[in-house]
Amino acid sequence: MNPVLSACKMGLAGGLALLLASCATMSPEECQLANWREVGQRDGVRGEPLSILGRRAEDCAKVHVGIDQQAYQQGRTLGLRSYCRWENAVPLGLSGASYSGVCSPDIESIFIPRYQTARAVYLLRNEIRSMDQQTQSLEHRLQELRHDEEQRLRKIDSEAERNKIRRTIDDERNRIRDDLRATDHRLQRKRDELRAAEFNLTQLR
């Protein structure tokens, strides 16, 4: 587990103040110096949900600093104007970023379909990348088996034992080849799906 996350969850005392501060949305220094209109604008530009303000308020309350909710909302509204543009939907989806439902309904009617189309491409590309890596791992395992078989047979004189080793390794080799064939079939389907998704994406541009 990431040591910072572990520290956040366990709440360890003594010597971990810096680590625990990294769990917060705002540091004590940021709370004391915050321009809440600018904070809100940054959150809006990033498409952060309004719930992040509650977490910021909790962080700042720990150091007895209040928030300027009105200034924050003004800045957030300004930032959302930049974020909630239909031309941002495709880059957002292709980046894999999540959408937190922060745009107005009239914009969402255009924004969400574009975002979902692009995100489908992102997810399929990730799946294909993962299956490519799985294929490489299985092929590497086949090479290791070949080497392992040669090494083990070299050390044994008994033909019965050698045959037993061959059968055992053949069984594993066949299982790996079955996995390779299954992965290849899934990979072909996903590539077909990706081509269709990418075509749908080009229709949006």
C-alpha atoms as a PDB file:
ATOM      1  CA  MET A   1       0.000   0.000   0.000  1.00  0.00           C
ATOM      2  CA  ASN A   2       1.160   3.537  -0.667  1.00  0.00           C
ATOM      3  CA  PRO A   3       2.783   4.756   2.570  1.00  0.00           C
ATOM      4  CA  VAL A   4       0.998   8.073   2.444  1.00  0.00           C
ATOM      5  CA  LEU A   5      -2.401   6.445   2.062  1.00  0.00           C
ATOM      6  CA  SER A   6      -1.528   3.958   4.760  1.00  0.00           C
ATOM      7  CA  ALA A   7      -0.607   6.766   7.113  1.00  0.00           C
ATOM      8  CA  CYS A   8      -3.834   8.597   6.306  1.00  0.00           C
ATOM      9  CA  LYS A   9      -5.951   5.553   7.063  1.00  0.00           C
ATOM     10  CA  MET A  10      -4.134   4.537  10.232  1.00  0.00           C
ATOM     11  CA  GLY A  11      -3.797   8.049  11.603  1.00  0.00           C
ATOM     12  CA  LEU A  12      -0.360   7.322  13.073  1.00  0.00           C
ATOM     13  CA  ALA A  13       0.866   9.870  15.574  1.00  0.00           C
ATOM     14  CA  GLY A  14       4.332  11.315  15.908  1.00  0.00           C
ATOM     15  CA  GLY A  15       6.625  12.158  13.016  1.00  0.00           C
ATOM     16  CA  LEU A  16       3.863  11.810  10.394  1.00  0.00           C
ATOM     17  CA  ALA A  17       2.503  15.335  10.265  1.00  0.00           C
ATOM     18  CA  LEU A  18       3.772  15.875   6.745  1.00  0.00           C
ATOM     19  CA  LEU A  19       2.315  12.599   5.549  1.00  0.00           C
ATOM     20  CA  LEU A  20      -1.032  13.286   7.157  1.00  0.00           C
ATOM     21  CA  ALA A  21      -1.133  16.764   5.648  1.00  0.00           C
ATOM     22  CA  SER A  22      -0.868  15.197   2.212  1.00  0.00           C
ATOM     23  CA  CYS A  23      -4.200  13.440   2.859  1.00  0.00           C
ATOM     24  CA  ALA A  24      -5.921  16.817   3.066  1.00  0.00           C
ATOM     25  CA  THR A  25      -7.374  18.846   0.238  1.00  0.00           C
ATOM     26  CA  MET A  26      -5.728  21.970   1.711  1.00  0.00           C
ATOM     27  CA  SER A  27      -2.724  22.462   3.952  1.00  0.00           C
ATOM     28  CA  PRO A  28      -2.849  24.831   6.952  1.00  0.00           C
ATOM     29  CA  GLU A  29      -0.744  27.331   4.995  1.00  0.00           C
ATOM     30  CA  GLU A  30      -3.101  27.148   2.020  1.00  0.00           C
ATOM     31  CA  CYS A  31      -6.090  27.725   4.299  1.00  0.00           C
ATOM     32  CA  GLN A  32      -4.505  30.808   5.846  1.00  0.00           C
ATOM     33  CA  LEU A  33      -3.497  32.318   2.501  1.00  0.00           C
ATOM     34  CA  ALA A  34      -6.432  31.176   0.385  1.00  0.00           C
ATOM     35  CA  ASN A  35      -8.091  33.440  -2.128  1.00  0.00           C
ATOM     36  CA  TRP A  36     -11.385  31.553  -2.149  1.00  0.00           C
ATOM     37  CA  ARG A  37     -12.492  32.941  -5.492  1.00  0.00           C
ATOM     38  CA  GLU A  38      -9.306  31.582  -7.071  1.00  0.00           C
ATOM     39  CA  VAL A  39      -9.696  28.256  -5.262  1.00  0.00           C
ATOM     40  CA  GLY A  40     -13.241  27.961  -6.567  1.00  0.00           C
ATOM     41  CA  GLN A  41     -12.170  28.874 -10.082  1.00  0.00           C
ATOM     42  CA  ARG A  42      -9.436  26.206 -10.085  1.00  0.00           C
ATOM     43  CA  ASP A  43     -11.899  23.600  -8.848  1.00  0.00           C
ATOM     44  CA  GLY A  44     -14.380  24.631 -11.526  1.00  0.00           C
ATOM     45  CA  VAL A  45     -11.801  24.435 -14.308  1.00  0.00           C
ATOM     46  CA  ARG A  46     -10.940  20.901 -13.123  1.00  0.00           C
ATOM     47  CA  GLY A  47     -14.587  19.846 -12.978  1.00  0.00           C
ATOM     48  CA  GLU A  48     -14.404  19.070  -9.263  1.00  0.00           C
ATOM     49  CA  PRO A  49     -17.738  18.235  -7.568  1.00  0.00           C
ATOM     50  CA  LEU A  50     -19.108  20.769  -5.101  1.00  0.00           C
ATOM     51  CA  SER A  51     -18.528  18.241  -2.315  1.00  0.00           C
ATOM     52  CA  ILE A  52     -14.834  19.146  -2.392  1.00  0.00           C
ATOM     53  CA  LEU A  53     -15.733  22.436  -0.704  1.00  0.00           C
ATOM     54  CA  GLY A  54     -16.941  20.506   2.316  1.00  0.00           C
ATOM     55  CA  ARG A  55     -13.602  18.714   2.569  1.00  0.00           C
ATOM     56  CA  ARG A  56     -11.746  22.001   2.196  1.00  0.00           C
ATOM     57  CA  ALA A  57     -13.884  23.512   4.965  1.00  0.00           C
ATOM     58  CA  GLU A  58     -13.076  20.564   7.263  1.00  0.00           C
ATOM     59  CA  ASP A  59      -9.348  20.934   6.596  1.00  0.00           C
ATOM     60  CA  CYS A  60      -9.383  24.650   7.297  1.00  0.00           C
ATOM     61  CA  ALA A  61     -11.543  24.277  10.404  1.00  0.00           C
ATOM     62  CA  LYS A  62      -8.715  22.243  11.949  1.00  0.00           C
ATOM     63  CA  VAL A  63      -6.570  25.381  11.920  1.00  0.00           C
ATOM     64  CA  HIS A  64      -9.496  27.655  12.840  1.00  0.00           C
ATOM     65  CA  VAL A  65      -9.802  29.237   9.407  1.00  0.00           C
ATOM     66  CA  GLY A  66     -13.209  29.797   7.875  1.00  0.00           C
ATOM     67  CA  ILE A  67     -14.037  29.649   4.179  1.00  0.00           C
ATOM     68  CA  ASP A  68     -15.612  32.324   2.015  1.00  0.00           C
ATOM     69  CA  GLN A  69     -18.340  30.254   0.410  1.00  0.00           C
ATOM     70  CA  GLN A  70     -19.748  33.109  -1.662  1.00  0.00           C
ATOM     71  CA  ALA A  71     -16.363  33.942  -3.185  1.00  0.00           C
ATOM     72  CA  TYR A  72     -15.699  30.254  -3.772  1.00  0.00           C
ATOM     73  CA  GLN A  73     -19.038  29.788  -5.576  1.00  0.00           C
ATOM     74  CA  GLN A  74     -18.385  32.836  -7.751  1.00  0.00           C
ATOM     75  CA  GLY A  75     -14.993  31.477  -8.753  1.00  0.00           C
ATOM     76  CA  ARG A  76     -16.332  27.969  -9.288  1.00  0.00           C
ATOM     77  CA  THR A  77     -19.071  29.251 -11.580  1.00  0.00           C
ATOM     78  CA  LEU A  78     -16.448  31.047 -13.632  1.00  0.00           C
ATOM     79  CA  GLY A  79     -14.247  27.949 -13.778  1.00  0.00           C
ATOM     80  CA  LEU A  80     -17.129  25.739 -14.842  1.00  0.00           C
ATOM     81  CA  ARG A  81     -17.755  27.975 -17.822  1.00  0.00           C
ATOM     82  CA  SER A  82     -14.329  26.948 -19.070  1.00  0.00           C
ATOM     83  CA  TYR A  83     -14.750  23.278 -18.142  1.00  0.00           C
ATOM     84  CA  CYS A  84     -18.306  22.774 -19.399  1.00  0.00           C
ATOM     85  CA  ARG A  85     -17.638  23.395 -23.064  1.00  0.00           C
ATOM     86  CA  TRP A  86     -18.648  20.697 -25.495  1.00  0.00           C
ATOM     87  CA  GLU A  87     -15.188  20.716 -27.113  1.00  0.00           C
ATOM     88  CA  ASN A  88     -13.692  19.627 -23.769  1.00  0.00           C
ATOM     89  CA  ALA A  89     -15.799  16.478 -23.602  1.00  0.00           C
ATOM     90  CA  VAL A  90     -13.719  14.390 -26.018  1.00  0.00           C
ATOM     91  CA  PRO A  91     -10.284  15.228 -24.519  1.00  0.00           C
ATOM     92  CA  LEU A  92     -11.710  14.548 -21.066  1.00  0.00           C
ATOM     93  CA  GLY A  93     -13.028  11.143 -22.077  1.00  0.00           C
ATOM     94  CA  LEU A  94      -9.840  10.170 -23.910  1.00  0.00           C
ATOM     95  CA  SER A  95      -7.770  11.085 -20.852  1.00  0.00           C
ATOM     96  CA  GLY A  96      -9.743   8.630 -18.708  1.00  0.00           C
ATOM     97  CA  ALA A  97     -10.798  11.374 -16.299  1.00  0.00           C
ATOM     98  CA  SER A  98     -14.110  10.989 -14.538  1.00  0.00           C
ATOM     99  CA  TYR A  99     -17.023  13.347 -15.006  1.00  0.00           C
ATOM    100  CA  SER A 100     -18.777  14.416 -11.806  1.00  0.00           C
ATOM    101  CA  GLY A 101     -22.020  15.781 -13.247  1.00  0.00           C
ATOM    102  CA  VAL A 102     -21.065  19.410 -12.682  1.00  0.00           C
ATOM    103  CA  CYS A 103     -22.428  20.917 -15.895  1.00  0.00           C
ATOM    104  CA  SER A 104     -25.920  22.281 -16.408  1.00  0.00           C
ATOM    105  CA  PRO A 105     -28.540  19.985 -18.017  1.00  0.00           C
ATOM    106  CA  ASP A 106     -28.646  21.946 -21.279  1.00  0.00           C
ATOM    107  CA  ILE A 107     -24.878  21.512 -21.703  1.00  0.00           C
ATOM    108  CA  GLU A 108     -24.896  17.914 -20.528  1.00  0.00           C
ATOM    109  CA  SER A 109     -27.223  16.929 -23.358  1.00  0.00           C
ATOM    110  CA  ILE A 110     -24.282  17.550 -25.714  1.00  0.00           C
ATOM    111  CA  PHE A 111     -21.374  17.077 -23.318  1.00  0.00           C
ATOM    112  CA  ILE A 112     -22.178  13.631 -21.898  1.00  0.00           C
ATOM    113  CA  PRO A 113     -22.679  11.707 -25.191  1.00  0.00           C
ATOM    114  CA  ARG A 114     -19.391  13.088 -26.485  1.00  0.00           C
ATOM    115  CA  TYR A 115     -17.619  12.300 -23.222  1.00  0.00           C
ATOM    116  CA  GLN A 116     -19.012   8.752 -23.100  1.00  0.00           C
ATOM    117  CA  THR A 117     -18.044   8.058 -26.715  1.00  0.00           C
ATOM    118  CA  ALA A 118     -14.469   9.196 -26.056  1.00  0.00           C
ATOM    119  CA  ARG A 119     -14.238   7.344 -22.756  1.00  0.00           C
ATOM    120  CA  ALA A 120     -15.331   4.130 -24.481  1.00  0.00           C
ATOM    121  CA  VAL A 121     -12.281   4.494 -26.735  1.00  0.00           C
ATOM    122  CA  TYR A 122     -10.060   5.089 -23.708  1.00  0.00           C
ATOM    123  CA  LEU A 123     -11.370   2.003 -21.899  1.00  0.00           C
ATOM    124  CA  LEU A 124     -11.015  -0.233 -24.964  1.00  0.00           C
ATOM    125  CA  ARG A 125      -7.461   0.940 -25.557  1.00  0.00           C
ATOM    126  CA  ASN A 126      -6.647   0.097 -21.956  1.00  0.00           C
ATOM    127  CA  GLU A 127      -8.209  -3.354 -22.270  1.00  0.00           C
ATOM    128  CA  ILE A 128      -6.243  -4.061 -25.439  1.00  0.00           C
ATOM    129  CA  ARG A 129      -3.029  -2.870 -23.826  1.00  0.00           C
ATOM    130  CA  SER A 130      -3.669  -5.158 -20.863  1.00  0.00           C
ATOM    131  CA  MET A 131      -4.368  -8.157 -23.112  1.00  0.00           C
ATOM    132  CA  ASP A 132      -1.240  -7.440 -25.150  1.00  0.00           C
ATOM    133  CA  GLN A 133       0.744  -7.531 -21.923  1.00  0.00           C
ATOM    134  CA  GLN A 134      -0.970 -10.773 -20.930  1.00  0.00           C
ATOM    135  CA  THR A 135      -0.034 -12.289 -24.297  1.00  0.00           C
ATOM    136  CA  GLN A 136       3.584 -11.252 -23.863  1.00  0.00           C
ATOM    137  CA  SER A 137       3.619 -12.753 -20.372  1.00  0.00           C
ATOM    138  CA  LEU A 138       2.221 -16.072 -21.623  1.00  0.00           C
ATOM    139  CA  GLU A 139       4.696 -16.198 -24.500  1.00  0.00           C
ATOM    140  CA  HIS A 140       7.523 -15.490 -22.071  1.00  0.00           C
ATOM    141  CA  ARG A 141       6.282 -18.328 -19.865  1.00  0.00           C
ATOM    142  CA  LEU A 142       6.443 -20.696 -22.847  1.00  0.00           C
ATOM    143  CA  GLN A 143      10.058 -19.744 -23.377  1.00  0.00           C
ATOM    144  CA  GLU A 144      10.788 -20.324 -19.704  1.00  0.00           C
ATOM    145  CA  LEU A 145       9.156 -23.751 -19.878  1.00  0.00           C
ATOM    146  CA  ARG A 146      11.342 -24.727 -22.809  1.00  0.00           C
ATOM    147  CA  HIS A 147      14.453 -23.691 -20.917  1.00  0.00           C
ATOM    148  CA  ASP A 148      13.251 -25.357 -17.710  1.00  0.00           C
ATOM    149  CA  GLU A 149      12.528 -28.594 -19.558  1.00  0.00           C
ATOM    150  CA  GLU A 150      16.004 -28.668 -21.083  1.00  0.00           C
ATOM    151  CA  GLN A 151      17.636 -28.006 -17.731  1.00  0.00           C
ATOM    152  CA  ARG A 152      15.674 -30.674 -15.872  1.00  0.00           C
ATOM    153  CA  LEU A 153      16.102 -33.347 -18.543  1.00  0.00           C
ATOM    154  CA  ARG A 154      19.828 -32.725 -18.632  1.00  0.00           C
ATOM    155  CA  LYS A 155      20.097 -33.720 -14.985  1.00  0.00           C
ATOM    156  CA  ILE A 156      18.133 -37.012 -15.196  1.00  0.00           C
ATOM    157  CA  ASP A 157      19.216 -40.319 -16.707  1.00  0.00           C
ATOM    158  CA  SER A 158      16.074 -42.352 -16.073  1.00  0.00           C
ATOM    159  CA  GLU A 159      13.915 -42.406 -19.207  1.00  0.00           C
ATOM    160  CA  ALA A 160      10.796 -42.973 -17.111  1.00  0.00           C
ATOM    161  CA  GLU A 161      11.521 -39.846 -15.092  1.00  0.00           C
ATOM    162  CA  ARG A 162      12.343 -37.918 -18.251  1.00  0.00           C
ATOM    163  CA  ASN A 163       9.013 -38.918 -19.781  1.00  0.00           C
ATOM    164  CA  LYS A 164       7.213 -37.873 -16.607  1.00  0.00           C
ATOM    165  CA  ILE A 165       8.837 -34.467 -16.777  1.00  0.00           C
ATOM    166  CA  ARG A 166       7.943 -34.132 -20.456  1.00  0.00           C
ATOM    167  CA  ARG A 167       4.286 -34.983 -19.744  1.00  0.00           C
ATOM    168  CA  THR A 168       4.079 -32.501 -16.875  1.00  0.00           C
ATOM    169  CA  ILE A 169       5.613 -29.703 -18.918  1.00  0.00           C
ATOM    170  CA  ASP A 170       3.519 -30.590 -21.969  1.00  0.00           C
ATOM    171  CA  ASP A 171       0.374 -30.293 -19.855  1.00  0.00           C
ATOM    172  CA  GLU A 172       1.386 -26.849 -18.659  1.00  0.00           C
ATOM    173  CA  ARG A 173       2.469 -25.839 -22.167  1.00  0.00           C
ATOM    174  CA  ASN A 174      -0.941 -26.869 -23.528  1.00  0.00           C
ATOM    175  CA  ARG A 175      -2.733 -24.865 -20.834  1.00  0.00           C
ATOM    176  CA  ILE A 176      -0.689 -21.805 -21.723  1.00  0.00           C
ATOM    177  CA  ARG A 177      -1.396 -22.259 -25.422  1.00  0.00           C
ATOM    178  CA  ASP A 178      -5.109 -22.558 -24.649  1.00  0.00           C
ATOM    179  CA  ASP A 179      -4.873 -19.295 -22.699  1.00  0.00           C
ATOM    180  CA  LEU A 180      -3.040 -17.700 -25.609  1.00  0.00           C
ATOM    181  CA  ARG A 181      -5.736 -18.744 -28.081  1.00  0.00           C
ATOM    182  CA  ALA A 182      -8.498 -17.506 -25.780  1.00  0.00           C
ATOM    183  CA  THR A 183      -6.698 -14.212 -25.218  1.00  0.00           C
ATOM    184  CA  ASP A 184      -6.151 -13.809 -28.945  1.00  0.00           C
ATOM    185  CA  HIS A 185      -9.871 -14.326 -29.643  1.00  0.00           C
ATOM    186  CA  ARG A 186     -10.808 -11.746 -26.998  1.00  0.00           C
ATOM    187  CA  LEU A 187      -8.179  -9.409 -28.377  1.00  0.00           C
ATOM    188  CA  GLN A 188      -9.618  -9.622 -31.881  1.00  0.00           C
ATOM    189  CA  ARG A 189     -13.099  -8.831 -30.567  1.00  0.00           C
ATOM    190  CA  LYS A 190     -11.824  -5.866 -28.578  1.00  0.00           C
ATOM    191  CA  ARG A 191      -9.921  -4.536 -31.589  1.00  0.00           C
ATOM    192  CA  ASP A 192     -13.110  -4.744 -33.631  1.00  0.00           C
ATOM    193  CA  GLU A 193     -14.950  -2.893 -30.869  1.00  0.00           C
ATOM    194  CA  LEU A 194     -12.189  -0.274 -30.741  1.00  0.00           C
ATOM    195  CA  ARG A 195     -12.378   0.336 -34.486  1.00  0.00           C
ATOM    196  CA  ALA A 196     -16.121   0.864 -34.183  1.00  0.00           C
ATOM    197  CA  ALA A 197     -15.678   3.151 -31.157  1.00  0.00           C
ATOM    198  CA  GLU A 198     -12.986   5.169 -32.912  1.00  0.00           C
ATOM    199  CA  PHE A 199     -15.230   5.518 -35.949  1.00  0.00           C
ATOM    200  CA  ASN A 200     -18.018   6.806 -33.698  1.00  0.00           C
ATOM    201  CA  LEU A 201     -15.542   9.277 -32.250  1.00  0.00           C
ATOM    202  CA  THR A 202     -14.552  10.610 -35.666  1.00  0.00           C
ATOM    203  CA  GLN A 203     -18.225  11.268 -36.391  1.00  0.00           C
ATOM    204  CA  LEU A 204     -18.284  13.718 -33.483  1.00  0.00           C
ATOM    205  CA  ARG A 205     -15.409  15.842 -34.686  1.00  0.00           C
END
